[in-house]
Amino acid sequence: MRKISSYLLVFIIATVSFQFLAVSHVLGSGGCDTDCVKCHSISTEEVKLILAKLNNPDAKILKVQMSPSRGLWEVAIENKGQGGLFYVDFAKKYVISGTIIEVDGAINRTKERVDELNKNRKISPSRIPLKDAFILGDSKAPKKVIVFTDPECPFCGKYHTEIKKVVAQRKDITFYIKLFPLTKLHPDAYWKSQSIICNRSLKLLEDNFEKQPIPKTECGTKEIDENIKLAASLGITGTPTSIMPDGSVKTGFLEADKIIKIIDAIKTKGKSR
């Protein structure tokens, strides 16, 4: 496990906030025991109105149900081919975009649901230009994985370590790395991505992941802006995001053994057809 990061602190704060909302609503409701639906409801039309107010009227509502934390509705949506979640409090005054972590076992319940929503999602690798991507592994390897990564994302740093393990074990797998800075979360990610691109240096990316300082370089490249536009068009909103050889999409951190297992399973399915 890495040291406690700002992400984990946000998750903990969000979890505590969710529990506080749950308690306050239950106490204020006159008591609904464990069946909150007896006292609270939310309609599809109400969710549509919320999405419109959030400037996302085109999102498709997949399912509305009680969240793992009492006091919140869980809303599953699909936007540009990607499934996602957000939460609405029982009073319908607040929308919460965050992660619910079950304290016992430290289970990320939000990620479980998002993974379930996206398990059949695919993006054709042919839609992603690879000419300017950084290559980790043998460019002639038959199995190509495309990774959208952010130099300031701690999960991306961990993931990069794992894909290096994959390359060390398997010469038939290569990773093509596209820099995708999440500027709203990481203010320094944009200039760092620019510097890495301007120097055409995968080592600078790895140095940055290892918390080493990197030079600030400008060269007028538009590659980062193009990557951001590309990610938006593909419905990619987070990092790390990996496009597997068959086009299946995997979001978040994966260990090396899991990555290899996913890729080998694709080969097995191909033979079984």
C-alpha atoms as a PDB file:
ATOM      1  CA  MET A   1       0.000   0.000   0.000  1.00  0.00           C
ATOM      2  CA  ARG A   2       1.205   3.517  -0.733  1.00  0.00           C
ATOM      3  CA  LYS A   3       1.258   6.251   1.886  1.00  0.00           C
ATOM      4  CA  ILE A   4      -2.041   7.974   2.599  1.00  0.00           C
ATOM      5  CA  SER A   5      -2.776  10.248  -0.362  1.00  0.00           C
ATOM      6  CA  SER A   6      -5.082  13.178  -0.860  1.00  0.00           C
ATOM      7  CA  TYR A   7      -7.413  10.781  -2.737  1.00  0.00           C
ATOM      8  CA  LEU A   8      -7.720   8.518   0.281  1.00  0.00           C
ATOM      9  CA  LEU A   9      -8.351  11.493   2.542  1.00  0.00           C
ATOM     10  CA  VAL A  10     -11.132  12.637   0.196  1.00  0.00           C
ATOM     11  CA  PHE A  11     -12.617   9.146   0.258  1.00  0.00           C
ATOM     12  CA  ILE A  12     -12.535   9.048   4.056  1.00  0.00           C
ATOM     13  CA  ILE A  13     -14.086  12.504   4.340  1.00  0.00           C
ATOM     14  CA  ALA A  14     -16.757  11.565   1.782  1.00  0.00           C
ATOM     15  CA  THR A  15     -17.544   8.360   3.659  1.00  0.00           C
ATOM     16  CA  VAL A  16     -17.912  10.213   6.953  1.00  0.00           C
ATOM     17  CA  SER A  17     -20.124  12.800   5.229  1.00  0.00           C
ATOM     18  CA  PHE A  18     -22.326  10.059   3.795  1.00  0.00           C
ATOM     19  CA  GLN A  19     -22.776   8.476   7.207  1.00  0.00           C
ATOM     20  CA  PHE A  20     -23.625  11.860   8.740  1.00  0.00           C
ATOM     21  CA  LEU A  21     -26.260  12.458   6.067  1.00  0.00           C
ATOM     22  CA  ALA A  22     -27.678   8.995   6.654  1.00  0.00           C
ATOM     23  CA  VAL A  23     -28.023   9.514  10.400  1.00  0.00           C
ATOM     24  CA  SER A  24     -29.521  12.988  10.059  1.00  0.00           C
ATOM     25  CA  HIS A  25     -32.163  11.834   7.572  1.00  0.00           C
ATOM     26  CA  VAL A  26     -33.133   8.782   9.588  1.00  0.00           C
ATOM     27  CA  LEU A  27     -33.459  10.819  12.776  1.00  0.00           C
ATOM     28  CA  GLY A  28     -35.430  13.521  11.005  1.00  0.00           C
ATOM     29  CA  SER A  29     -37.780  11.136   9.234  1.00  0.00           C
ATOM     30  CA  GLY A  30     -39.611   9.937  12.303  1.00  0.00           C
ATOM     31  CA  GLY A  31     -38.069   6.498  11.875  1.00  0.00           C
ATOM     32  CA  CYS A  32     -38.393   4.179   8.894  1.00  0.00           C
ATOM     33  CA  ASP A  33     -36.424   1.336  10.423  1.00  0.00           C
ATOM     34  CA  THR A  34     -34.388  -0.334   7.662  1.00  0.00           C
ATOM     35  CA  ASP A  35     -36.873   0.261   4.826  1.00  0.00           C
ATOM     36  CA  CYS A  36     -36.177   3.840   3.738  1.00  0.00           C
ATOM     37  CA  VAL A  37     -38.401   3.459   0.663  1.00  0.00           C
ATOM     38  CA  LYS A  38     -41.430   3.656   2.976  1.00  0.00           C
ATOM     39  CA  CYS A  39     -40.645   7.302   3.656  1.00  0.00           C
ATOM     40  CA  HIS A  40     -38.572   8.432   0.675  1.00  0.00           C
ATOM     41  CA  SER A  41     -38.782   8.193  -3.084  1.00  0.00           C
ATOM     42  CA  ILE A  42     -37.225   9.697  -6.196  1.00  0.00           C
ATOM     43  CA  SER A  43     -38.626   9.474  -9.719  1.00  0.00           C
ATOM     44  CA  THR A  44     -36.882   9.235 -13.062  1.00  0.00           C
ATOM     45  CA  GLU A  45     -38.294  12.644 -13.960  1.00  0.00           C
ATOM     46  CA  GLU A  46     -36.737  14.147 -10.850  1.00  0.00           C
ATOM     47  CA  VAL A  47     -33.375  12.640 -11.800  1.00  0.00           C
ATOM     48  CA  LYS A  48     -33.727  14.023 -15.338  1.00  0.00           C
ATOM     49  CA  LEU A  49     -34.338  17.478 -13.866  1.00  0.00           C
ATOM     50  CA  ILE A  50     -31.223  17.136 -11.711  1.00  0.00           C
ATOM     51  CA  LEU A  51     -29.139  16.122 -14.733  1.00  0.00           C
ATOM     52  CA  ALA A  52     -30.498  19.101 -16.697  1.00  0.00           C
ATOM     53  CA  LYS A  53     -29.528  21.470 -13.879  1.00  0.00           C
ATOM     54  CA  LEU A  54     -26.035  19.934 -13.921  1.00  0.00           C
ATOM     55  CA  ASN A  55     -25.765  20.615 -17.675  1.00  0.00           C
ATOM     56  CA  ASN A  56     -25.822  16.931 -18.534  1.00  0.00           C
ATOM     57  CA  PRO A  57     -29.311  16.422 -19.980  1.00  0.00           C
ATOM     58  CA  ASP A  58     -28.220  13.819 -22.547  1.00  0.00           C
ATOM     59  CA  ALA A  59     -26.999  11.274 -20.026  1.00  0.00           C
ATOM     60  CA  LYS A  60     -29.031   8.059 -20.095  1.00  0.00           C
ATOM     61  CA  ILE A  61     -30.426   6.984 -16.728  1.00  0.00           C
ATOM     62  CA  LEU A  62     -29.745   3.282 -16.246  1.00  0.00           C
ATOM     63  CA  LYS A  63     -30.961   2.651 -12.730  1.00  0.00           C
ATOM     64  CA  VAL A  64     -31.942   4.458  -9.534  1.00  0.00           C
ATOM     65  CA  GLN A  65     -31.697   2.565  -6.259  1.00  0.00           C
ATOM     66  CA  MET A  66     -30.758   2.917  -2.614  1.00  0.00           C
ATOM     67  CA  SER A  67     -27.027   3.443  -2.138  1.00  0.00           C
ATOM     68  CA  PRO A  68     -24.928   1.287   0.218  1.00  0.00           C
ATOM     69  CA  SER A  69     -25.020   4.227   2.650  1.00  0.00           C
ATOM     70  CA  ARG A  70     -28.500   4.977   4.024  1.00  0.00           C
ATOM     71  CA  GLY A  71     -29.644   8.504   3.299  1.00  0.00           C
ATOM     72  CA  LEU A  72     -28.561   8.576  -0.354  1.00  0.00           C
ATOM     73  CA  TRP A  73     -29.982   7.463  -3.663  1.00  0.00           C
ATOM     74  CA  GLU A  74     -27.554   5.863  -6.104  1.00  0.00           C
ATOM     75  CA  VAL A  75     -28.057   6.945  -9.722  1.00  0.00           C
ATOM     76  CA  ALA A  76     -26.395   4.940 -12.492  1.00  0.00           C
ATOM     77  CA  ILE A  77     -26.021   6.714 -15.834  1.00  0.00           C
ATOM     78  CA  GLU A  78     -24.431   6.189 -19.220  1.00  0.00           C
ATOM     79  CA  ASN A  79     -22.720   9.113 -20.920  1.00  0.00           C
ATOM     80  CA  LYS A  80     -20.802   8.804 -24.200  1.00  0.00           C
ATOM     81  CA  GLY A  81     -20.745   5.049 -23.801  1.00  0.00           C
ATOM     82  CA  GLN A  82     -19.365   5.097 -20.264  1.00  0.00           C
ATOM     83  CA  GLY A  83     -21.255   4.075 -17.160  1.00  0.00           C
ATOM     84  CA  GLY A  84     -20.987   6.195 -14.040  1.00  0.00           C
ATOM     85  CA  LEU A  85     -22.547   6.881 -10.660  1.00  0.00           C
ATOM     86  CA  PHE A  86     -23.551   9.803  -8.513  1.00  0.00           C
ATOM     87  CA  TYR A  87     -25.561  10.105  -5.322  1.00  0.00           C
ATOM     88  CA  VAL A  88     -28.558  12.243  -4.370  1.00  0.00           C
ATOM     89  CA  ASP A  89     -29.573  12.916  -0.771  1.00  0.00           C
ATOM     90  CA  PHE A  90     -33.117  12.101   0.332  1.00  0.00           C
ATOM     91  CA  ALA A  91     -34.021  15.799   0.418  1.00  0.00           C
ATOM     92  CA  LYS A  92     -32.929  16.052  -3.263  1.00  0.00           C
ATOM     93  CA  LYS A  93     -30.975  19.200  -2.506  1.00  0.00           C
ATOM     94  CA  TYR A  94     -27.464  17.817  -2.927  1.00  0.00           C
ATOM     95  CA  VAL A  95     -25.665  15.709  -5.518  1.00  0.00           C
ATOM     96  CA  ILE A  96     -22.553  13.919  -4.313  1.00  0.00           C
ATOM     97  CA  SER A  97     -19.873  12.788  -6.744  1.00  0.00           C
ATOM     98  CA  GLY A  98     -17.492  10.634  -4.763  1.00  0.00           C
ATOM     99  CA  THR A  99     -16.645   7.183  -3.524  1.00  0.00           C
ATOM    100  CA  ILE A 100     -18.386   5.115  -0.884  1.00  0.00           C
ATOM    101  CA  ILE A 101     -15.944   2.863   0.961  1.00  0.00           C
ATOM    102  CA  GLU A 102     -17.239   0.219   3.328  1.00  0.00           C
ATOM    103  CA  VAL A 103     -15.126   0.504   6.467  1.00  0.00           C
ATOM    104  CA  ASP A 104     -15.151  -3.228   7.227  1.00  0.00           C
ATOM    105  CA  GLY A 105     -12.758  -4.633   4.668  1.00  0.00           C
ATOM    106  CA  ALA A 106     -12.056  -1.215   3.080  1.00  0.00           C
ATOM    107  CA  ILE A 107     -14.223  -2.199   0.102  1.00  0.00           C
ATOM    108  CA  ASN A 108     -14.754   0.439  -2.570  1.00  0.00           C
ATOM    109  CA  ARG A 109     -18.466  -0.059  -3.239  1.00  0.00           C
ATOM    110  CA  THR A 110     -18.628   2.719  -5.846  1.00  0.00           C
ATOM    111  CA  LYS A 111     -15.838   1.185  -7.929  1.00  0.00           C
ATOM    112  CA  GLU A 112     -17.559  -2.207  -7.754  1.00  0.00           C
ATOM    113  CA  ARG A 113     -20.730  -0.731  -9.231  1.00  0.00           C
ATOM    114  CA  VAL A 114     -18.910   1.303 -11.899  1.00  0.00           C
ATOM    115  CA  ASP A 115     -16.901  -1.753 -12.959  1.00  0.00           C
ATOM    116  CA  GLU A 116     -20.143  -3.703 -13.244  1.00  0.00           C
ATOM    117  CA  LEU A 117     -21.678  -0.974 -15.409  1.00  0.00           C
ATOM    118  CA  ASN A 118     -18.649  -0.909 -17.706  1.00  0.00           C
ATOM    119  CA  LYS A 119     -17.796  -4.608 -17.863  1.00  0.00           C
ATOM    120  CA  ASN A 120     -19.045  -4.929 -21.464  1.00  0.00           C
ATOM    121  CA  ARG A 121     -17.858  -1.532 -22.638  1.00  0.00           C
ATOM    122  CA  LYS A 122     -15.507  -1.468 -25.628  1.00  0.00           C
ATOM    123  CA  ILE A 123     -13.559   1.146 -27.571  1.00  0.00           C
ATOM    124  CA  SER A 124     -12.069   0.185 -30.907  1.00  0.00           C
ATOM    125  CA  PRO A 125      -8.262   0.629 -30.648  1.00  0.00           C
ATOM    126  CA  SER A 126      -8.326   1.868 -34.244  1.00  0.00           C
ATOM    127  CA  ARG A 127      -9.973   5.081 -32.987  1.00  0.00           C
ATOM    128  CA  ILE A 128      -6.870   5.972 -30.976  1.00  0.00           C
ATOM    129  CA  PRO A 129      -3.838   7.454 -32.819  1.00  0.00           C
ATOM    130  CA  LEU A 130      -0.648   5.812 -31.546  1.00  0.00           C
ATOM    131  CA  LYS A 131       1.974   7.599 -33.619  1.00  0.00           C
ATOM    132  CA  ASP A 132       2.948   9.924 -30.751  1.00  0.00           C
ATOM    133  CA  ALA A 133       2.258   7.527 -27.864  1.00  0.00           C
ATOM    134  CA  PHE A 134       5.081   6.456 -25.571  1.00  0.00           C
ATOM    135  CA  ILE A 135       5.883   2.769 -25.981  1.00  0.00           C
ATOM    136  CA  LEU A 136       6.681   0.539 -23.036  1.00  0.00           C
ATOM    137  CA  GLY A 137       7.805  -2.819 -24.381  1.00  0.00           C
ATOM    138  CA  ASP A 138       8.547  -4.159 -27.857  1.00  0.00           C
ATOM    139  CA  SER A 139       6.742  -2.215 -30.575  1.00  0.00           C
ATOM    140  CA  LYS A 140       6.491  -5.458 -32.575  1.00  0.00           C
ATOM    141  CA  ALA A 141       4.662  -7.303 -29.791  1.00  0.00           C
ATOM    142  CA  PRO A 142       1.329  -8.666 -31.065  1.00  0.00           C
ATOM    143  CA  LYS A 143      -0.742  -7.675 -27.999  1.00  0.00           C
ATOM    144  CA  LYS A 144      -1.153  -3.937 -27.580  1.00  0.00           C
ATOM    145  CA  VAL A 145      -2.645  -2.191 -24.561  1.00  0.00           C
ATOM    146  CA  ILE A 146      -3.367   1.557 -24.685  1.00  0.00           C
ATOM    147  CA  VAL A 147      -3.119   3.400 -21.368  1.00  0.00           C
ATOM    148  CA  PHE A 148      -4.427   6.903 -20.638  1.00  0.00           C
ATOM    149  CA  THR A 149      -2.390   8.188 -17.700  1.00  0.00           C
ATOM    150  CA  ASP A 150      -1.889  11.368 -15.670  1.00  0.00           C
ATOM    151  CA  PRO A 151       1.593  12.213 -14.302  1.00  0.00           C
ATOM    152  CA  GLU A 152       0.080  13.555 -11.076  1.00  0.00           C
ATOM    153  CA  CYS A 153      -2.292  10.627 -10.448  1.00  0.00           C
ATOM    154  CA  PRO A 154      -0.978   8.400  -7.614  1.00  0.00           C
ATOM    155  CA  PHE A 155      -2.958   5.424  -8.915  1.00  0.00           C
ATOM    156  CA  CYS A 156      -1.277   5.925 -12.310  1.00  0.00           C
ATOM    157  CA  GLY A 157       2.152   5.787 -10.691  1.00  0.00           C
ATOM    158  CA  LYS A 158       1.308   2.473  -9.040  1.00  0.00           C
ATOM    159  CA  TYR A 159      -0.190   1.169 -12.262  1.00  0.00           C
ATOM    160  CA  HIS A 160       2.919   2.140 -14.235  1.00  0.00           C
ATOM    161  CA  THR A 161       5.011   0.009 -11.894  1.00  0.00           C
ATOM    162  CA  GLU A 162       2.708  -2.943 -12.590  1.00  0.00           C
ATOM    163  CA  ILE A 163       2.783  -2.615 -16.388  1.00  0.00           C
ATOM    164  CA  LYS A 164       6.591  -2.556 -16.239  1.00  0.00           C
ATOM    165  CA  LYS A 165       6.358  -5.912 -14.442  1.00  0.00           C
ATOM    166  CA  VAL A 166       4.114  -7.199 -17.239  1.00  0.00           C
ATOM    167  CA  VAL A 167       6.632  -6.176 -19.910  1.00  0.00           C
ATOM    168  CA  ALA A 168       9.440  -7.829 -17.951  1.00  0.00           C
ATOM    169  CA  GLN A 169       7.474 -11.095 -17.837  1.00  0.00           C
ATOM    170  CA  ARG A 170       5.822 -11.065 -21.240  1.00  0.00           C
ATOM    171  CA  LYS A 171       7.570  -9.997 -24.427  1.00  0.00           C
ATOM    172  CA  ASP A 172       4.349 -10.407 -26.409  1.00  0.00           C
ATOM    173  CA  ILE A 173       2.625  -7.515 -24.605  1.00  0.00           C
ATOM    174  CA  THR A 174       3.315  -3.816 -25.253  1.00  0.00           C
ATOM    175  CA  PHE A 175       1.800  -0.709 -23.671  1.00  0.00           C
ATOM    176  CA  TYR A 176       1.127   2.501 -25.592  1.00  0.00           C
ATOM    177  CA  ILE A 177       0.923   5.418 -23.182  1.00  0.00           C
ATOM    178  CA  LYS A 178      -1.185   8.525 -23.830  1.00  0.00           C
ATOM    179  CA  LEU A 179      -0.816  11.456 -21.432  1.00  0.00           C
ATOM    180  CA  PHE A 180      -4.188  12.689 -20.219  1.00  0.00           C
ATOM    181  CA  PRO A 181      -3.887  15.285 -17.429  1.00  0.00           C
ATOM    182  CA  LEU A 182      -6.946  15.681 -15.213  1.00  0.00           C
ATOM    183  CA  THR A 183      -6.464  19.397 -14.788  1.00  0.00           C
ATOM    184  CA  LYS A 184      -9.375  19.961 -12.405  1.00  0.00           C
ATOM    185  CA  LEU A 185      -7.887  17.505  -9.933  1.00  0.00           C
ATOM    186  CA  HIS A 186      -4.185  18.050 -10.607  1.00  0.00           C
ATOM    187  CA  PRO A 187      -3.217  21.652 -11.469  1.00  0.00           C
ATOM    188  CA  ASP A 188       0.416  20.709 -12.264  1.00  0.00           C
ATOM    189  CA  ALA A 189      -0.479  17.759 -14.480  1.00  0.00           C
ATOM    190  CA  TYR A 190      -0.856  19.837 -17.651  1.00  0.00           C
ATOM    191  CA  TRP A 191       2.574  21.490 -17.649  1.00  0.00           C
ATOM    192  CA  LYS A 192       4.218  18.257 -16.566  1.00  0.00           C
ATOM    193  CA  SER A 193       2.542  16.423 -19.444  1.00  0.00           C
ATOM    194  CA  GLN A 194       3.703  19.158 -21.814  1.00  0.00           C
ATOM    195  CA  SER A 195       7.277  18.872 -20.538  1.00  0.00           C
ATOM    196  CA  ILE A 196       7.315  15.108 -20.893  1.00  0.00           C
ATOM    197  CA  ILE A 197       5.970  15.377 -24.451  1.00  0.00           C
ATOM    198  CA  CYS A 198       8.374  18.176 -25.414  1.00  0.00           C
ATOM    199  CA  ASN A 199      11.327  16.081 -24.242  1.00  0.00           C
ATOM    200  CA  ARG A 200       9.843  12.861 -25.715  1.00  0.00           C
ATOM    201  CA  SER A 201      10.986  11.193 -22.536  1.00  0.00           C
ATOM    202  CA  LEU A 202       9.279   8.240 -20.886  1.00  0.00           C
ATOM    203  CA  LYS A 203      11.982   8.496 -18.220  1.00  0.00           C
ATOM    204  CA  LEU A 204      10.692  11.925 -17.198  1.00  0.00           C
ATOM    205  CA  LEU A 205       7.244  10.417 -16.641  1.00  0.00           C
ATOM    206  CA  GLU A 206       8.760   7.670 -14.520  1.00  0.00           C
ATOM    207  CA  ASP A 207      10.914  10.192 -12.616  1.00  0.00           C
ATOM    208  CA  ASN A 208       7.782  12.193 -11.864  1.00  0.00           C
ATOM    209  CA  PHE A 209       5.936   9.086 -10.661  1.00  0.00           C
ATOM    210  CA  GLU A 210       8.889   8.552  -8.297  1.00  0.00           C
ATOM    211  CA  LYS A 211       8.405  12.100  -6.923  1.00  0.00           C
ATOM    212  CA  GLN A 212      11.554  13.434  -8.550  1.00  0.00           C
ATOM    213  CA  PRO A 213      11.509  17.005  -9.935  1.00  0.00           C
ATOM    214  CA  ILE A 214      11.288  17.368 -13.709  1.00  0.00           C
ATOM    215  CA  PRO A 215      12.137  20.423 -15.832  1.00  0.00           C
ATOM    216  CA  LYS A 216       9.439  22.756 -17.070  1.00  0.00           C
ATOM    217  CA  THR A 217       9.707  22.771 -20.859  1.00  0.00           C
ATOM    218  CA  GLU A 218       7.527  24.486 -23.465  1.00  0.00           C
ATOM    219  CA  CYS A 219       7.577  23.643 -27.170  1.00  0.00           C
ATOM    220  CA  GLY A 220       4.161  24.678 -28.471  1.00  0.00           C
ATOM    221  CA  THR A 221       2.901  21.101 -28.806  1.00  0.00           C
ATOM    222  CA  LYS A 222      -0.837  20.565 -29.206  1.00  0.00           C
ATOM    223  CA  GLU A 223      -0.606  16.867 -28.374  1.00  0.00           C
ATOM    224  CA  ILE A 224      -1.919  17.183 -24.823  1.00  0.00           C
ATOM    225  CA  ASP A 225      -4.939  19.229 -25.944  1.00  0.00           C
ATOM    226  CA  GLU A 226      -5.617  16.629 -28.627  1.00  0.00           C
ATOM    227  CA  ASN A 227      -5.388  13.820 -26.052  1.00  0.00           C
ATOM    228  CA  ILE A 228      -7.879  15.627 -23.820  1.00  0.00           C
ATOM    229  CA  LYS A 229     -10.314  16.036 -26.731  1.00  0.00           C
ATOM    230  CA  LEU A 230      -9.813  12.404 -27.741  1.00  0.00           C
ATOM    231  CA  ALA A 231     -10.514  11.150 -24.218  1.00  0.00           C
ATOM    232  CA  ALA A 232     -13.707  13.221 -24.083  1.00  0.00           C
ATOM    233  CA  SER A 233     -14.892  11.810 -27.417  1.00  0.00           C
ATOM    234  CA  LEU A 234     -14.274   8.267 -26.152  1.00  0.00           C
ATOM    235  CA  GLY A 235     -16.027   8.847 -22.848  1.00  0.00           C
ATOM    236  CA  ILE A 236     -12.799   8.468 -20.862  1.00  0.00           C
ATOM    237  CA  THR A 237     -12.954  10.634 -17.747  1.00  0.00           C
ATOM    238  CA  GLY A 238     -10.489   9.076 -15.319  1.00  0.00           C
ATOM    239  CA  THR A 239      -6.994   7.664 -15.069  1.00  0.00           C
ATOM    240  CA  PRO A 240      -5.552   5.176 -15.414  1.00  0.00           C
ATOM    241  CA  THR A 241      -7.811   3.842 -18.157  1.00  0.00           C
ATOM    242  CA  SER A 242      -6.650   0.925 -20.290  1.00  0.00           C
ATOM    243  CA  ILE A 243      -7.923  -0.232 -23.659  1.00  0.00           C
ATOM    244  CA  MET A 244      -7.181  -3.942 -23.972  1.00  0.00           C
ATOM    245  CA  PRO A 245      -6.304  -5.669 -27.282  1.00  0.00           C
ATOM    246  CA  ASP A 246      -9.963  -6.586 -27.873  1.00  0.00           C
ATOM    247  CA  GLY A 247     -11.142  -3.038 -27.119  1.00  0.00           C
ATOM    248  CA  SER A 248     -12.460  -3.803 -23.635  1.00  0.00           C
ATOM    249  CA  VAL A 249     -12.029  -0.936 -21.190  1.00  0.00           C
ATOM    250  CA  LYS A 250     -10.524  -1.312 -17.728  1.00  0.00           C
ATOM    251  CA  THR A 251     -10.497   1.611 -15.327  1.00  0.00           C
ATOM    252  CA  GLY A 252      -8.326   2.091 -12.271  1.00  0.00           C
ATOM    253  CA  PHE A 253      -5.324   0.284 -10.821  1.00  0.00           C
ATOM    254  CA  LEU A 254      -4.659  -3.351 -11.677  1.00  0.00           C
ATOM    255  CA  GLU A 255      -1.823  -5.585 -10.522  1.00  0.00           C
ATOM    256  CA  ALA A 256       0.477  -7.187 -13.099  1.00  0.00           C
ATOM    257  CA  ASP A 257      -0.935 -10.693 -12.633  1.00  0.00           C
ATOM    258  CA  LYS A 258      -4.474  -9.388 -13.144  1.00  0.00           C
ATOM    259  CA  ILE A 259      -3.485  -7.554 -16.334  1.00  0.00           C
ATOM    260  CA  ILE A 260      -1.897 -10.698 -17.749  1.00  0.00           C
ATOM    261  CA  LYS A 261      -4.919 -12.769 -16.771  1.00  0.00           C
ATOM    262  CA  ILE A 262      -7.274 -10.361 -18.584  1.00  0.00           C
ATOM    263  CA  ILE A 263      -5.153 -10.410 -21.747  1.00  0.00           C
ATOM    264  CA  ASP A 264      -4.755 -14.187 -21.740  1.00  0.00           C
ATOM    265  CA  ALA A 265      -8.504 -14.585 -21.254  1.00  0.00           C
ATOM    266  CA  ILE A 266      -9.039 -12.639 -24.472  1.00  0.00           C
ATOM    267  CA  LYS A 267      -6.855 -15.185 -26.283  1.00  0.00           C
ATOM    268  CA  THR A 268      -8.805 -18.079 -24.752  1.00  0.00           C
ATOM    269  CA  LYS A 269     -12.126 -16.588 -25.842  1.00  0.00           C
ATOM    270  CA  GLY A 270     -10.804 -16.155 -29.337  1.00  0.00           C
ATOM    271  CA  LYS A 271      -9.918 -19.842 -29.564  1.00  0.00           C
ATOM    272  CA  SER A 272     -13.259 -20.961 -28.228  1.00  0.00           C
ATOM    273  CA  ARG A 273     -15.244 -19.290 -30.996  1.00  0.00           C
END
